[in-house]
Amino acid sequence: MTTHPAHPAARSIRTTPEGLLWEPSERWVRGRKGDITVVDSRHPVLVWEPHLPVPQYAFPHDDVRTDLLRPAQNPPTGKHTGSRIFYDLDADGEVRANAAWTFPADDLAGHIAFEWFLRTDTGLDHWYEEEEEIFVHPRDPHKRVDALPSSRHVRVEIEGQVVADTHAPVLLFETSLPTRYYFPREDVRLDLFDATDHSTGCPYKGTAEYWSWRREGDVPPNIVWSYPEPLPAVAPIQGRVAFFNEAVDITLDGERLERPDTPFSGMLRKASRSRNRP
């Protein structure tokens, strides 16, 4: 079978001498600061820096309102791989320092990247792929998230106390992370937890709210979460409750699961020590 060269399967990720990975994207991407569209591109590229696990967008100059950019007053040299040219954004009566930059690679010459305001307090406020608003960072096309309703029996214990037990979970499978088990609220002892003001944003799932264990024990705060308004791709988890596998005991179909070691494990251990410090 002959593959058309424009087909995504025919593409490969490029590597630059600086260690950057990048590939073209076919998505229509816009970035706004308030009501001003600063970026409008049908030819963005995704760029992965060596020290970051998530991609960023970079855009052809012609797709950027470069009239709103000024040479940075205090460029943060070293913040992005090999980058030395930074820009302040002057739009809507406000200047946001170091909102944009260029990568040094010849392959990416003529492209400009932007910070995301909700992550760094600079850059642009709102980002859209096609007509859907996206948050935190661009979604990785090589990462998959599936939310599947199930009839498996899942039980969660904290400090020996059963806090959740269901035969109607939704299992969320996300590349490079352990399976997360989302429980119907009626199957969770939320009376054993206190709601907190903590929240997080995920480009694949949306914005989560959290609860903390109200009893004593070596339990980190914000161990329980829920997505009240998840993104459409994971709609089955709406309103359901999940736990960090890394810090609770989960039994699946009668088999006790080992606590996984993930990028969250160290964060949870540190948070637990802080919570229990006199």
C-alpha atoms as a PDB file:
ATOM      1  CA  MET A   1       0.000   0.000   0.000  1.00  0.00           C
ATOM      2  CA  THR A   2       1.320   3.445  -0.911  1.00  0.00           C
ATOM      3  CA  THR A   3       1.115   6.061   1.861  1.00  0.00           C
ATOM      4  CA  HIS A   4       0.425   9.616   0.789  1.00  0.00           C
ATOM      5  CA  PRO A   5       3.310  11.777   2.106  1.00  0.00           C
ATOM      6  CA  ALA A   6       0.876  14.244   3.693  1.00  0.00           C
ATOM      7  CA  HIS A   7      -0.766  11.533   5.803  1.00  0.00           C
ATOM      8  CA  PRO A   8       0.104  11.824   9.543  1.00  0.00           C
ATOM      9  CA  ALA A   9       1.389   8.250   9.594  1.00  0.00           C
ATOM     10  CA  ALA A  10       4.078   9.248   7.119  1.00  0.00           C
ATOM     11  CA  ARG A  11       5.461  11.930   9.411  1.00  0.00           C
ATOM     12  CA  SER A  12       8.192  11.487  11.985  1.00  0.00           C
ATOM     13  CA  ILE A  13       9.257  13.629  14.893  1.00  0.00           C
ATOM     14  CA  ARG A  14      12.277  15.757  14.069  1.00  0.00           C
ATOM     15  CA  THR A  15      15.251  16.226  16.392  1.00  0.00           C
ATOM     16  CA  THR A  16      17.429  19.342  16.574  1.00  0.00           C
ATOM     17  CA  PRO A  17      21.080  19.563  17.695  1.00  0.00           C
ATOM     18  CA  GLU A  18      19.863  21.302  20.877  1.00  0.00           C
ATOM     19  CA  GLY A  19      17.829  18.230  21.843  1.00  0.00           C
ATOM     20  CA  LEU A  20      14.445  19.670  20.892  1.00  0.00           C
ATOM     21  CA  LEU A  21      11.829  17.370  19.372  1.00  0.00           C
ATOM     22  CA  TRP A  22       9.211  18.825  17.071  1.00  0.00           C
ATOM     23  CA  GLU A  23       6.559  17.896  14.529  1.00  0.00           C
ATOM     24  CA  PRO A  24       3.953  19.750  12.472  1.00  0.00           C
ATOM     25  CA  SER A  25       0.344  19.825  13.655  1.00  0.00           C
ATOM     26  CA  GLU A  26      -2.747  19.956  11.454  1.00  0.00           C
ATOM     27  CA  ARG A  27      -4.853  21.681  14.119  1.00  0.00           C
ATOM     28  CA  TRP A  28      -6.147  25.222  13.785  1.00  0.00           C
ATOM     29  CA  VAL A  29      -4.854  26.997  16.892  1.00  0.00           C
ATOM     30  CA  ARG A  30      -5.687  30.458  18.245  1.00  0.00           C
ATOM     31  CA  GLY A  31      -4.352  32.275  21.286  1.00  0.00           C
ATOM     32  CA  ARG A  32      -5.978  35.331  22.855  1.00  0.00           C
ATOM     33  CA  LYS A  33      -5.086  37.939  25.390  1.00  0.00           C
ATOM     34  CA  GLY A  34      -8.441  39.261  26.585  1.00  0.00           C
ATOM     35  CA  ASP A  35     -10.434  39.999  23.423  1.00  0.00           C
ATOM     36  CA  ILE A  36      -7.341  40.336  21.241  1.00  0.00           C
ATOM     37  CA  THR A  37      -6.355  37.418  19.023  1.00  0.00           C
ATOM     38  CA  VAL A  38      -2.555  37.345  19.160  1.00  0.00           C
ATOM     39  CA  VAL A  39      -2.061  34.006  17.378  1.00  0.00           C
ATOM     40  CA  ASP A  40      -4.156  32.506  14.583  1.00  0.00           C
ATOM     41  CA  SER A  41      -2.411  29.594  12.887  1.00  0.00           C
ATOM     42  CA  ARG A  42      -3.313  26.653  10.696  1.00  0.00           C
ATOM     43  CA  HIS A  43       0.339  25.592  10.585  1.00  0.00           C
ATOM     44  CA  PRO A  44       1.565  25.304  14.186  1.00  0.00           C
ATOM     45  CA  VAL A  45       4.322  22.961  15.272  1.00  0.00           C
ATOM     46  CA  LEU A  46       4.541  21.038  18.536  1.00  0.00           C
ATOM     47  CA  VAL A  47       7.865  21.301  20.359  1.00  0.00           C
ATOM     48  CA  TRP A  48       9.138  19.126  23.224  1.00  0.00           C
ATOM     49  CA  GLU A  49      12.011  20.489  25.304  1.00  0.00           C
ATOM     50  CA  PRO A  50      14.401  17.930  26.894  1.00  0.00           C
ATOM     51  CA  HIS A  51      13.440  18.900  30.456  1.00  0.00           C
ATOM     52  CA  LEU A  52       9.663  19.057  29.918  1.00  0.00           C
ATOM     53  CA  PRO A  53       7.338  16.036  29.559  1.00  0.00           C
ATOM     54  CA  VAL A  54       4.642  18.054  27.761  1.00  0.00           C
ATOM     55  CA  PRO A  55       4.714  19.818  24.385  1.00  0.00           C
ATOM     56  CA  GLN A  56       4.429  23.505  23.540  1.00  0.00           C
ATOM     57  CA  TYR A  57       3.209  25.217  20.397  1.00  0.00           C
ATOM     58  CA  ALA A  58       5.367  27.383  18.144  1.00  0.00           C
ATOM     59  CA  PHE A  59       3.892  29.427  15.295  1.00  0.00           C
ATOM     60  CA  PRO A  60       5.088  30.917  12.006  1.00  0.00           C
ATOM     61  CA  HIS A  61       5.816  34.651  12.326  1.00  0.00           C
ATOM     62  CA  ASP A  62       3.103  35.467   9.800  1.00  0.00           C
ATOM     63  CA  ASP A  63       0.489  33.872  12.086  1.00  0.00           C
ATOM     64  CA  VAL A  64       1.444  36.067  15.072  1.00  0.00           C
ATOM     65  CA  ARG A  65       0.578  39.682  15.884  1.00  0.00           C
ATOM     66  CA  THR A  66       4.250  40.614  16.074  1.00  0.00           C
ATOM     67  CA  ASP A  67       3.226  44.286  16.281  1.00  0.00           C
ATOM     68  CA  LEU A  68       2.233  43.509  19.894  1.00  0.00           C
ATOM     69  CA  LEU A  69       5.659  42.119  20.807  1.00  0.00           C
ATOM     70  CA  ARG A  70       8.605  44.115  22.152  1.00  0.00           C
ATOM     71  CA  PRO A  71      12.167  42.916  22.892  1.00  0.00           C
ATOM     72  CA  ALA A  72      12.105  41.663  26.484  1.00  0.00           C
ATOM     73  CA  GLN A  73      13.400  44.038  29.126  1.00  0.00           C
ATOM     74  CA  ASN A  74      14.678  41.195  31.321  1.00  0.00           C
ATOM     75  CA  PRO A  75      14.959  38.044  29.200  1.00  0.00           C
ATOM     76  CA  PRO A  76      15.122  34.820  31.283  1.00  0.00           C
ATOM     77  CA  THR A  77      18.039  33.284  29.405  1.00  0.00           C
ATOM     78  CA  GLY A  78      18.188  29.578  30.160  1.00  0.00           C
ATOM     79  CA  LYS A  79      14.481  29.120  30.820  1.00  0.00           C
ATOM     80  CA  HIS A  80      13.870  27.494  27.434  1.00  0.00           C
ATOM     81  CA  THR A  81      16.358  25.212  25.687  1.00  0.00           C
ATOM     82  CA  GLY A  82      19.036  27.393  24.102  1.00  0.00           C
ATOM     83  CA  SER A  83      16.656  30.343  23.684  1.00  0.00           C
ATOM     84  CA  ARG A  84      18.115  33.844  23.891  1.00  0.00           C
ATOM     85  CA  ILE A  85      15.462  35.964  22.170  1.00  0.00           C
ATOM     86  CA  PHE A  86      12.425  36.786  24.330  1.00  0.00           C
ATOM     87  CA  TYR A  87       9.551  39.217  23.901  1.00  0.00           C
ATOM     88  CA  ASP A  88       7.266  41.173  26.191  1.00  0.00           C
ATOM     89  CA  LEU A  89       3.624  41.269  25.122  1.00  0.00           C
ATOM     90  CA  ASP A  90       2.057  44.750  25.021  1.00  0.00           C
ATOM     91  CA  ALA A  91      -1.685  44.350  24.468  1.00  0.00           C
ATOM     92  CA  ASP A  92      -4.942  45.661  25.858  1.00  0.00           C
ATOM     93  CA  GLY A  93      -3.167  48.231  28.028  1.00  0.00           C
ATOM     94  CA  GLU A  94      -1.040  45.641  29.843  1.00  0.00           C
ATOM     95  CA  VAL A  95       2.529  44.447  29.420  1.00  0.00           C
ATOM     96  CA  ARG A  96       3.289  40.802  30.173  1.00  0.00           C
ATOM     97  CA  ALA A  97       6.989  40.173  30.520  1.00  0.00           C
ATOM     98  CA  ASN A  98       8.674  37.352  28.622  1.00  0.00           C
ATOM     99  CA  ALA A  99       5.405  36.151  27.160  1.00  0.00           C
ATOM    100  CA  ALA A 100       7.019  34.834  23.962  1.00  0.00           C
ATOM    101  CA  TRP A 101      10.338  33.528  22.705  1.00  0.00           C
ATOM    102  CA  THR A 102      12.081  31.902  19.745  1.00  0.00           C
ATOM    103  CA  PHE A 103      13.905  28.584  19.753  1.00  0.00           C
ATOM    104  CA  PRO A 104      17.513  28.599  18.478  1.00  0.00           C
ATOM    105  CA  ALA A 105      17.184  25.604  16.157  1.00  0.00           C
ATOM    106  CA  ASP A 106      17.496  26.307  12.430  1.00  0.00           C
ATOM    107  CA  ASP A 107      14.565  23.940  11.896  1.00  0.00           C
ATOM    108  CA  LEU A 108      12.348  26.276  13.938  1.00  0.00           C
ATOM    109  CA  ALA A 109      13.641  29.555  12.525  1.00  0.00           C
ATOM    110  CA  GLY A 110      10.757  31.888  11.807  1.00  0.00           C
ATOM    111  CA  HIS A 111       8.583  30.462  14.623  1.00  0.00           C
ATOM    112  CA  ILE A 112       7.479  32.072  17.910  1.00  0.00           C
ATOM    113  CA  ALA A 113       6.332  30.242  21.049  1.00  0.00           C
ATOM    114  CA  PHE A 114       4.156  31.638  23.858  1.00  0.00           C
ATOM    115  CA  GLU A 115       3.701  31.030  27.559  1.00  0.00           C
ATOM    116  CA  TRP A 116       0.258  30.049  28.851  1.00  0.00           C
ATOM    117  CA  PHE A 117      -1.042  32.571  31.387  1.00  0.00           C
ATOM    118  CA  LEU A 118      -2.895  30.101  33.621  1.00  0.00           C
ATOM    119  CA  ARG A 119       0.349  28.164  34.109  1.00  0.00           C
ATOM    120  CA  THR A 120       2.930  30.942  34.394  1.00  0.00           C
ATOM    121  CA  ASP A 121       1.075  34.244  35.051  1.00  0.00           C
ATOM    122  CA  THR A 122       2.328  35.572  31.721  1.00  0.00           C
ATOM    123  CA  GLY A 123       1.600  34.829  28.085  1.00  0.00           C
ATOM    124  CA  LEU A 124      -1.906  34.466  26.667  1.00  0.00           C
ATOM    125  CA  ASP A 125      -5.177  33.942  28.532  1.00  0.00           C
ATOM    126  CA  HIS A 126      -7.104  31.591  26.258  1.00  0.00           C
ATOM    127  CA  TRP A 127      -6.142  28.944  23.726  1.00  0.00           C
ATOM    128  CA  TYR A 128      -8.313  27.091  21.212  1.00  0.00           C
ATOM    129  CA  GLU A 129      -7.802  24.036  19.032  1.00  0.00           C
ATOM    130  CA  GLU A 130     -10.473  24.244  16.339  1.00  0.00           C
ATOM    131  CA  GLU A 131     -13.518  25.424  18.381  1.00  0.00           C
ATOM    132  CA  GLU A 132     -12.575  23.796  21.705  1.00  0.00           C
ATOM    133  CA  GLU A 133     -10.798  25.752  24.415  1.00  0.00           C
ATOM    134  CA  ILE A 134      -7.731  23.966  25.779  1.00  0.00           C
ATOM    135  CA  PHE A 135      -5.987  24.488  29.099  1.00  0.00           C
ATOM    136  CA  VAL A 136      -2.594  24.244  30.858  1.00  0.00           C
ATOM    137  CA  HIS A 137      -0.580  23.069  27.827  1.00  0.00           C
ATOM    138  CA  PRO A 138      -1.184  21.599  24.345  1.00  0.00           C
ATOM    139  CA  ARG A 139      -2.437  18.053  24.289  1.00  0.00           C
ATOM    140  CA  ASP A 140       0.163  15.515  23.244  1.00  0.00           C
ATOM    141  CA  PRO A 141      -0.995  13.677  20.071  1.00  0.00           C
ATOM    142  CA  HIS A 142       0.995  10.640  21.215  1.00  0.00           C
ATOM    143  CA  LYS A 143      -0.851  10.437  24.530  1.00  0.00           C
ATOM    144  CA  ARG A 144      -4.238   8.780  24.914  1.00  0.00           C
ATOM    145  CA  VAL A 145      -6.919   9.061  27.615  1.00  0.00           C
ATOM    146  CA  ASP A 146      -9.903   6.682  27.703  1.00  0.00           C
ATOM    147  CA  ALA A 147     -12.722   6.674  30.268  1.00  0.00           C
ATOM    148  CA  LEU A 148     -14.497   3.306  30.227  1.00  0.00           C
ATOM    149  CA  PRO A 149     -17.506   2.314  32.361  1.00  0.00           C
ATOM    150  CA  SER A 150     -16.974  -1.064  34.024  1.00  0.00           C
ATOM    151  CA  SER A 151     -18.637  -3.624  36.299  1.00  0.00           C
ATOM    152  CA  ARG A 152     -15.425  -4.565  38.125  1.00  0.00           C
ATOM    153  CA  HIS A 153     -15.380  -4.600  41.910  1.00  0.00           C
ATOM    154  CA  VAL A 154     -13.132  -1.866  43.307  1.00  0.00           C
ATOM    155  CA  ARG A 155     -12.574  -1.077  46.984  1.00  0.00           C
ATOM    156  CA  VAL A 156     -10.416   1.665  48.532  1.00  0.00           C
ATOM    157  CA  GLU A 157      -9.056   1.692  52.089  1.00  0.00           C
ATOM    158  CA  ILE A 158      -7.254   4.442  53.994  1.00  0.00           C
ATOM    159  CA  GLU A 159      -5.581   3.557  57.291  1.00  0.00           C
ATOM    160  CA  GLY A 160      -7.589   0.308  57.312  1.00  0.00           C
ATOM    161  CA  GLN A 161     -10.935   2.098  56.833  1.00  0.00           C
ATOM    162  CA  VAL A 162     -13.013   1.239  53.742  1.00  0.00           C
ATOM    163  CA  VAL A 163     -13.791   4.597  52.131  1.00  0.00           C
ATOM    164  CA  ALA A 164     -15.123   3.499  48.729  1.00  0.00           C
ATOM    165  CA  ASP A 165     -16.651   0.293  47.389  1.00  0.00           C
ATOM    166  CA  THR A 166     -18.356  -0.134  44.024  1.00  0.00           C
ATOM    167  CA  HIS A 167     -19.288  -2.525  41.223  1.00  0.00           C
ATOM    168  CA  ALA A 168     -19.889   0.390  38.840  1.00  0.00           C
ATOM    169  CA  PRO A 169     -16.593   2.243  38.423  1.00  0.00           C
ATOM    170  CA  VAL A 170     -15.344   4.187  35.439  1.00  0.00           C
ATOM    171  CA  LEU A 171     -11.754   3.212  34.660  1.00  0.00           C
ATOM    172  CA  LEU A 172      -9.604   5.985  33.259  1.00  0.00           C
ATOM    173  CA  PHE A 173      -6.627   4.807  31.209  1.00  0.00           C
ATOM    174  CA  GLU A 174      -4.027   7.517  30.556  1.00  0.00           C
ATOM    175  CA  THR A 175      -0.695   6.988  28.820  1.00  0.00           C
ATOM    176  CA  SER A 176       2.228   6.702  31.287  1.00  0.00           C
ATOM    177  CA  LEU A 177      -0.008   6.861  34.381  1.00  0.00           C
ATOM    178  CA  PRO A 178      -1.651   4.121  36.465  1.00  0.00           C
ATOM    179  CA  THR A 179      -5.306   3.336  35.877  1.00  0.00           C
ATOM    180  CA  ARG A 180      -7.510   5.653  37.917  1.00  0.00           C
ATOM    181  CA  TYR A 181     -10.795   4.366  39.353  1.00  0.00           C
ATOM    182  CA  TYR A 182     -13.717   6.804  39.401  1.00  0.00           C
ATOM    183  CA  PHE A 183     -16.479   5.940  41.880  1.00  0.00           C
ATOM    184  CA  PRO A 184     -20.131   6.987  41.981  1.00  0.00           C
ATOM    185  CA  ARG A 185     -20.470   9.448  44.858  1.00  0.00           C
ATOM    186  CA  GLU A 186     -23.014   7.257  46.599  1.00  0.00           C
ATOM    187  CA  ASP A 187     -20.338   4.556  46.867  1.00  0.00           C
ATOM    188  CA  VAL A 188     -17.803   6.843  48.588  1.00  0.00           C
ATOM    189  CA  ARG A 189     -17.658   7.817  52.293  1.00  0.00           C
ATOM    190  CA  LEU A 190     -17.217  11.527  51.581  1.00  0.00           C
ATOM    191  CA  ASP A 191     -18.285  12.190  55.185  1.00  0.00           C
ATOM    192  CA  LEU A 192     -14.744  11.076  56.104  1.00  0.00           C
ATOM    193  CA  PHE A 193     -13.223  13.921  54.048  1.00  0.00           C
ATOM    194  CA  ASP A 194     -13.226  17.713  54.041  1.00  0.00           C
ATOM    195  CA  ALA A 195     -13.551  19.740  50.861  1.00  0.00           C
ATOM    196  CA  THR A 196     -10.525  22.002  50.222  1.00  0.00           C
ATOM    197  CA  ASP A 197      -9.934  25.065  48.066  1.00  0.00           C
ATOM    198  CA  HIS A 198      -7.279  23.202  46.046  1.00  0.00           C
ATOM    199  CA  SER A 199      -7.863  22.787  42.309  1.00  0.00           C
ATOM    200  CA  THR A 200      -5.837  21.624  39.317  1.00  0.00           C
ATOM    201  CA  GLY A 201      -6.220  21.911  35.569  1.00  0.00           C
ATOM    202  CA  CYS A 202      -5.628  19.118  33.063  1.00  0.00           C
ATOM    203  CA  PRO A 203      -5.661  19.592  29.268  1.00  0.00           C
ATOM    204  CA  TYR A 204      -7.208  16.135  28.854  1.00  0.00           C
ATOM    205  CA  LYS A 205      -9.814  16.137  31.637  1.00  0.00           C
ATOM    206  CA  GLY A 206     -10.589  19.699  32.797  1.00  0.00           C
ATOM    207  CA  THR A 207     -10.555  21.319  36.256  1.00  0.00           C
ATOM    208  CA  ALA A 208     -10.647  19.157  39.383  1.00  0.00           C
ATOM    209  CA  GLU A 209     -11.865  19.875  42.917  1.00  0.00           C
ATOM    210  CA  TYR A 210     -10.367  18.115  45.963  1.00  0.00           C
ATOM    211  CA  TRP A 211     -11.008  16.655  49.426  1.00  0.00           C
ATOM    212  CA  SER A 212      -8.644  15.789  52.286  1.00  0.00           C
ATOM    213  CA  TRP A 213      -8.788  12.955  54.843  1.00  0.00           C
ATOM    214  CA  ARG A 214     -10.144  14.437  58.074  1.00  0.00           C
ATOM    215  CA  ARG A 215      -8.794  11.788  60.435  1.00  0.00           C
ATOM    216  CA  GLU A 216      -5.295  11.188  61.796  1.00  0.00           C
ATOM    217  CA  GLY A 217      -2.727   9.159  59.901  1.00  0.00           C
ATOM    218  CA  ASP A 218       0.095   9.294  57.390  1.00  0.00           C
ATOM    219  CA  VAL A 219      -2.192  10.557  54.628  1.00  0.00           C
ATOM    220  CA  PRO A 220      -1.355  13.442  52.294  1.00  0.00           C
ATOM    221  CA  PRO A 221      -3.855  16.270  51.814  1.00  0.00           C
ATOM    222  CA  ASN A 222      -5.993  16.531  48.682  1.00  0.00           C
ATOM    223  CA  ILE A 223      -5.981  12.798  48.174  1.00  0.00           C
ATOM    224  CA  VAL A 224      -9.449  12.686  46.601  1.00  0.00           C
ATOM    225  CA  TRP A 225     -10.666  14.562  43.527  1.00  0.00           C
ATOM    226  CA  SER A 226     -13.540  14.944  41.112  1.00  0.00           C
ATOM    227  CA  TYR A 227     -14.220  16.681  37.802  1.00  0.00           C
ATOM    228  CA  PRO A 228     -17.612  18.423  38.050  1.00  0.00           C
ATOM    229  CA  GLU A 229     -17.465  19.520  34.404  1.00  0.00           C
ATOM    230  CA  PRO A 230     -14.950  17.311  32.574  1.00  0.00           C
ATOM    231  CA  LEU A 231     -13.994  17.793  28.945  1.00  0.00           C
ATOM    232  CA  PRO A 232     -16.234  15.941  26.459  1.00  0.00           C
ATOM    233  CA  ALA A 233     -13.655  13.237  25.711  1.00  0.00           C
ATOM    234  CA  VAL A 234     -13.894  11.941  29.308  1.00  0.00           C
ATOM    235  CA  ALA A 235     -17.551  12.733  30.012  1.00  0.00           C
ATOM    236  CA  PRO A 236     -18.172   9.406  31.853  1.00  0.00           C
ATOM    237  CA  ILE A 237     -16.124  10.620  34.867  1.00  0.00           C
ATOM    238  CA  GLN A 238     -18.383  13.652  35.493  1.00  0.00           C
ATOM    239  CA  GLY A 239     -19.074  14.096  39.197  1.00  0.00           C
ATOM    240  CA  ARG A 240     -17.368  10.840  40.101  1.00  0.00           C
ATOM    241  CA  VAL A 241     -14.676  10.535  42.767  1.00  0.00           C
ATOM    242  CA  ALA A 242     -11.118   9.215  42.386  1.00  0.00           C
ATOM    243  CA  PHE A 243      -8.190   8.541  44.726  1.00  0.00           C
ATOM    244  CA  PHE A 244      -4.428   8.672  44.340  1.00  0.00           C
ATOM    245  CA  ASN A 245      -3.423   5.017  43.896  1.00  0.00           C
ATOM    246  CA  GLU A 246       0.001   6.065  45.168  1.00  0.00           C
ATOM    247  CA  ALA A 247      -1.314   6.782  48.695  1.00  0.00           C
ATOM    248  CA  VAL A 248      -4.312   4.489  49.304  1.00  0.00           C
ATOM    249  CA  ASP A 249      -4.913   0.733  49.286  1.00  0.00           C
ATOM    250  CA  ILE A 250      -6.963  -0.435  46.298  1.00  0.00           C
ATOM    251  CA  THR A 251      -8.428  -3.917  45.890  1.00  0.00           C
ATOM    252  CA  LEU A 252      -9.544  -4.820  42.362  1.00  0.00           C
ATOM    253  CA  ASP A 253     -11.719  -7.915  41.883  1.00  0.00           C
ATOM    254  CA  GLY A 254     -10.381  -9.309  45.169  1.00  0.00           C
ATOM    255  CA  GLU A 255      -6.705  -8.616  44.426  1.00  0.00           C
ATOM    256  CA  ARG A 256      -4.819  -5.996  46.442  1.00  0.00           C
ATOM    257  CA  LEU A 257      -2.899  -3.740  44.048  1.00  0.00           C
ATOM    258  CA  GLU A 258       0.597  -2.494  44.754  1.00  0.00           C
ATOM    259  CA  ARG A 259       0.920   1.235  45.205  1.00  0.00           C
ATOM    260  CA  PRO A 260       2.546   2.513  41.995  1.00  0.00           C
ATOM    261  CA  ASP A 261       5.638   4.690  41.888  1.00  0.00           C
ATOM    262  CA  THR A 262       4.811   7.678  39.671  1.00  0.00           C
ATOM    263  CA  PRO A 263       5.844  11.332  39.307  1.00  0.00           C
ATOM    264  CA  PHE A 264       3.143  12.060  41.909  1.00  0.00           C
ATOM    265  CA  SER A 265       4.621   9.744  44.553  1.00  0.00           C
ATOM    266  CA  GLY A 266       7.327  12.108  45.794  1.00  0.00           C
ATOM    267  CA  MET A 267       4.912  15.037  45.851  1.00  0.00           C
ATOM    268  CA  LEU A 268       2.437  13.050  47.944  1.00  0.00           C
ATOM    269  CA  ARG A 269       5.089  11.891  50.423  1.00  0.00           C
ATOM    270  CA  LYS A 270       6.313  15.459  50.874  1.00  0.00           C
ATOM    271  CA  ALA A 271       2.746  16.731  51.338  1.00  0.00           C
ATOM    272  CA  SER A 272       2.063  13.999  53.900  1.00  0.00           C
ATOM    273  CA  ARG A 273       5.120  14.978  55.954  1.00  0.00           C
ATOM    274  CA  SER A 274       4.058  18.619  55.899  1.00  0.00           C
ATOM    275  CA  ARG A 275       0.524  17.744  56.975  1.00  0.00           C
ATOM    276  CA  ASN A 276       1.735  15.736  59.958  1.00  0.00           C
ATOM    277  CA  ARG A 277       4.506  18.071  61.037  1.00  0.00           C
ATOM    278  CA  PRO A 278       3.928  19.440  64.586  1.00  0.00           C
END
